[in-house]
């Protein structure tokens, strides 16, 4: 398995911001199954579940919250 890629970071942050896989997939203009697989891959690479399914979509786990905080900094640095 490969290491974490920028697409994983982008996808995890998008799901966290949108609160659902469907909305994040639309905002990223990718298919939902592709996004779901990317999120699963990111969790596998990191060795932690990043999201929990809820009746209203998804919510971050503790590990997901920590990751998203760091990922946001990485995205800001890359945009500079």
N, C-alpha and C. Protein backbone atom coordinates (compact mmCIF):
# COMPACT_ATOMS: atom_id res chain seq x y z
N UNK A 1 0.84 -1.18 0.00
CA UNK A 1 0.00 0.00 0.00
C UNK A 1 0.89 1.25 0.00
N UNK A 2 0.43 2.26 -0.68
CA UNK A 2 1.17 3.51 -0.77
C UNK A 2 0.93 4.34 0.48
N UNK A 3 1.75 5.38 0.64
CA UNK A 3 1.56 6.31 1.74
C UNK A 3 0.43 7.28 1.44
N UNK A 4 0.18 8.13 2.39
CA UNK A 4 -0.86 9.13 2.27
C UNK A 4 -0.54 10.09 1.13
N UNK A 5 -1.53 10.41 0.33
CA UNK A 5 -1.36 11.31 -0.81
C UNK A 5 -2.18 12.57 -0.60
N UNK A 6 -1.88 13.59 -1.37
CA UNK A 6 -2.59 14.85 -1.25
C UNK A 6 -4.09 14.68 -1.49
N UNK A 7 -4.47 13.77 -2.38
CA UNK A 7 -5.90 13.55 -2.63
C UNK A 7 -6.59 13.03 -1.39
N UNK A 8 -5.90 12.22 -0.59
CA UNK A 8 -6.49 11.73 0.66
C UNK A 8 -6.77 12.90 1.60
N UNK A 9 -5.80 13.78 1.71
CA UNK A 9 -5.95 14.94 2.59
C UNK A 9 -7.12 15.80 2.12
N UNK A 10 -7.15 16.10 0.83
CA UNK A 10 -8.23 16.91 0.26
C UNK A 10 -9.59 16.27 0.50
N UNK A 11 -9.68 14.98 0.29
CA UNK A 11 -10.95 14.28 0.42
C UNK A 11 -11.44 14.21 1.87
N UNK A 12 -10.54 13.93 2.78
CA UNK A 12 -10.92 13.87 4.20
C UNK A 12 -11.40 15.24 4.67
N UNK A 13 -10.68 16.30 4.31
CA UNK A 13 -11.08 17.65 4.72
C UNK A 13 -12.43 18.00 4.11
N UNK A 14 -12.66 17.64 2.87
CA UNK A 14 -13.94 17.94 2.22
C UNK A 14 -15.10 17.25 2.93
N UNK A 15 -14.94 16.00 3.29
CA UNK A 15 -16.00 15.28 3.99
C UNK A 15 -16.24 15.91 5.36
N UNK A 16 -15.18 16.26 6.04
CA UNK A 16 -15.32 16.91 7.35
C UNK A 16 -16.07 18.23 7.23
N UNK A 17 -15.76 19.01 6.21
CA UNK A 17 -16.40 20.30 6.03
C UNK A 17 -17.86 20.17 5.60
N UNK A 18 -18.14 19.20 4.74
CA UNK A 18 -19.49 19.03 4.20
C UNK A 18 -20.40 18.24 5.14
N UNK A 19 -19.82 17.36 5.93
CA UNK A 19 -20.61 16.56 6.86
C UNK A 19 -21.26 15.34 6.25
N UNK A 20 -21.06 15.14 4.94
CA UNK A 20 -21.59 13.93 4.31
C UNK A 20 -20.74 13.57 3.11
N UNK A 21 -20.74 12.28 2.81
CA UNK A 21 -19.98 11.81 1.65
C UNK A 21 -20.59 12.33 0.36
N UNK A 22 -21.91 12.31 0.30
CA UNK A 22 -22.61 12.75 -0.92
C UNK A 22 -22.29 14.21 -1.24
N UNK A 23 -22.40 15.08 -0.24
CA UNK A 23 -22.14 16.51 -0.45
C UNK A 23 -20.67 16.75 -0.80
N UNK A 24 -19.78 16.03 -0.13
CA UNK A 24 -18.35 16.20 -0.43
C UNK A 24 -18.03 15.73 -1.84
N UNK A 25 -18.62 14.61 -2.25
CA UNK A 25 -18.38 14.10 -3.61
C UNK A 25 -18.85 15.12 -4.65
N UNK A 26 -20.01 15.72 -4.40
CA UNK A 26 -20.52 16.74 -5.32
C UNK A 26 -19.57 17.94 -5.37
N UNK A 27 -19.11 18.40 -4.21
CA UNK A 27 -18.24 19.58 -4.18
C UNK A 27 -16.90 19.31 -4.83
N UNK A 28 -16.43 18.08 -4.74
CA UNK A 28 -15.15 17.70 -5.36
C UNK A 28 -15.31 17.25 -6.82
N UNK A 29 -16.56 17.08 -7.22
CA UNK A 29 -16.89 16.61 -8.57
C UNK A 29 -16.27 15.25 -8.86
N UNK A 30 -16.44 14.34 -7.89
CA UNK A 30 -16.02 12.95 -8.07
C UNK A 30 -17.17 12.05 -7.65
N UNK A 31 -17.12 10.80 -8.07
CA UNK A 31 -18.16 9.84 -7.72
C UNK A 31 -18.06 9.48 -6.24
N UNK A 32 -19.21 9.29 -5.60
CA UNK A 32 -19.22 8.96 -4.18
C UNK A 32 -18.44 7.68 -3.85
N UNK A 33 -18.55 6.61 -4.66
CA UNK A 33 -17.77 5.41 -4.34
C UNK A 33 -16.25 5.67 -4.38
N UNK A 34 -15.81 6.54 -5.26
CA UNK A 34 -14.39 6.89 -5.33
C UNK A 34 -13.97 7.61 -4.05
N UNK A 35 -14.81 8.53 -3.59
CA UNK A 35 -14.53 9.27 -2.37
C UNK A 35 -14.54 8.33 -1.16
N UNK A 36 -15.52 7.45 -1.10
CA UNK A 36 -15.61 6.50 0.00
C UNK A 36 -14.34 5.65 0.08
N UNK A 37 -13.89 5.17 -1.07
CA UNK A 37 -12.68 4.35 -1.11
C UNK A 37 -11.46 5.14 -0.65
N UNK A 38 -11.37 6.39 -1.06
CA UNK A 38 -10.25 7.25 -0.67
C UNK A 38 -10.23 7.45 0.85
N UNK A 39 -11.40 7.66 1.44
CA UNK A 39 -11.50 7.85 2.89
C UNK A 39 -11.10 6.55 3.61
N UNK A 40 -11.55 5.43 3.10
CA UNK A 40 -11.18 4.14 3.69
C UNK A 40 -9.68 3.90 3.57
N UNK A 41 -9.11 4.25 2.42
CA UNK A 41 -7.66 4.09 2.22
C UNK A 41 -6.89 4.96 3.20
N UNK A 42 -7.32 6.21 3.37
CA UNK A 42 -6.64 7.13 4.29
C UNK A 42 -6.67 6.57 5.71
N UNK A 43 -7.83 6.08 6.13
CA UNK A 43 -7.93 5.48 7.45
C UNK A 43 -7.03 4.26 7.60
N UNK A 44 -6.96 3.45 6.55
CA UNK A 44 -6.08 2.28 6.59
C UNK A 44 -4.62 2.65 6.68
N UNK A 45 -4.22 3.66 5.93
CA UNK A 45 -2.83 4.12 5.95
C UNK A 45 -2.48 4.68 7.33
N UNK A 46 -3.41 5.43 7.91
CA UNK A 46 -3.17 6.04 9.21
C UNK A 46 -3.39 5.08 10.38
N UNK A 47 -4.06 3.97 10.09
CA UNK A 47 -4.32 2.99 11.14
C UNK A 47 -5.40 3.41 12.12
N UNK A 48 -6.32 4.24 11.63
CA UNK A 48 -7.40 4.72 12.51
C UNK A 48 -8.63 5.05 11.68
N UNK A 49 -9.78 4.84 12.27
CA UNK A 49 -11.02 5.24 11.61
C UNK A 49 -11.16 6.76 11.75
N UNK A 50 -11.44 7.45 10.65
CA UNK A 50 -11.51 8.91 10.67
C UNK A 50 -12.92 9.43 10.85
N UNK A 51 -13.92 8.64 10.43
CA UNK A 51 -15.32 9.07 10.49
C UNK A 51 -16.19 7.98 11.08
N UNK A 52 -17.30 8.41 11.66
CA UNK A 52 -18.35 7.51 12.10
C UNK A 52 -19.60 7.89 11.33
N UNK A 53 -20.34 6.90 10.90
CA UNK A 53 -21.61 7.17 10.23
C UNK A 53 -22.65 7.56 11.28
N UNK A 54 -23.45 8.55 10.95
CA UNK A 54 -24.54 8.97 11.82
C UNK A 54 -25.81 9.02 10.99
N UNK A 55 -26.93 9.27 11.64
CA UNK A 55 -28.19 9.36 10.90
C UNK A 55 -28.23 10.58 9.99
N UNK A 56 -27.37 11.56 10.27
CA UNK A 56 -27.35 12.80 9.47
C UNK A 56 -26.15 12.89 8.54
N UNK A 57 -25.38 11.83 8.43
CA UNK A 57 -24.20 11.85 7.56
C UNK A 57 -23.04 11.17 8.24
N UNK A 58 -21.94 11.91 8.40
CA UNK A 58 -20.77 11.37 9.08
C UNK A 58 -20.24 12.41 10.05
N UNK A 59 -19.57 11.93 11.08
CA UNK A 59 -18.90 12.83 12.02
C UNK A 59 -17.49 12.31 12.26
N UNK A 60 -16.62 13.22 12.61
CA UNK A 60 -15.22 12.87 12.83
C UNK A 60 -15.06 12.08 14.13
N UNK A 61 -14.18 11.09 14.09
CA UNK A 61 -13.74 10.43 15.31
C UNK A 61 -12.68 11.34 15.93
N UNK A 62 -12.19 10.98 17.10
CA UNK A 62 -11.12 11.77 17.71
C UNK A 62 -9.90 11.79 16.78
N UNK A 63 -9.53 10.63 16.26
CA UNK A 63 -8.38 10.56 15.35
C UNK A 63 -8.64 11.40 14.10
N UNK A 64 -9.86 11.36 13.60
CA UNK A 64 -10.21 12.16 12.42
C UNK A 64 -10.10 13.64 12.70
N UNK A 65 -10.52 14.06 13.86
CA UNK A 65 -10.45 15.47 14.24
C UNK A 65 -9.00 15.95 14.30
N UNK A 66 -8.15 15.16 14.89
CA UNK A 66 -6.73 15.50 14.97
C UNK A 66 -6.15 15.57 13.56
N UNK A 67 -6.47 14.59 12.74
CA UNK A 67 -5.95 14.57 11.37
C UNK A 67 -6.42 15.79 10.58
N UNK A 68 -7.70 16.13 10.68
CA UNK A 68 -8.24 17.26 9.91
C UNK A 68 -7.57 18.57 10.33
N UNK A 69 -7.30 18.74 11.61
CA UNK A 69 -6.60 19.94 12.06
C UNK A 69 -5.24 20.06 11.39
N UNK A 70 -4.51 18.98 11.34
CA UNK A 70 -3.19 19.00 10.71
C UNK A 70 -3.30 19.11 9.19
N UNK A 71 -4.28 18.45 8.63
CA UNK A 71 -4.48 18.49 7.18
C UNK A 71 -4.81 19.90 6.71
N UNK A 72 -5.59 20.64 7.49
CA UNK A 72 -5.94 22.01 7.13
C UNK A 72 -4.69 22.88 7.05
N UNK A 73 -3.76 22.67 7.98
CA UNK A 73 -2.50 23.41 7.96
C UNK A 73 -1.69 23.05 6.71
N UNK A 74 -1.66 21.78 6.39
CA UNK A 74 -0.93 21.33 5.19
C UNK A 74 -1.53 21.97 3.94
N UNK A 75 -2.85 21.98 3.85
CA UNK A 75 -3.50 22.59 2.68
C UNK A 75 -3.20 24.08 2.59
N UNK A 76 -3.19 24.77 3.71
CA UNK A 76 -2.88 26.20 3.70
C UNK A 76 -1.45 26.44 3.23
N UNK A 77 -0.54 25.63 3.71
CA UNK A 77 0.86 25.77 3.30
C UNK A 77 1.03 25.50 1.81
N UNK A 78 0.35 24.50 1.30
CA UNK A 78 0.46 24.16 -0.11
C UNK A 78 -0.15 25.25 -1.00
N UNK A 79 -1.18 25.91 -0.52
CA UNK A 79 -1.82 26.95 -1.34
C UNK A 79 -0.95 28.20 -1.41
N UNK A 80 -0.02 28.36 -0.49
CA UNK A 80 0.89 29.50 -0.53
C UNK A 80 1.90 29.25 -1.59
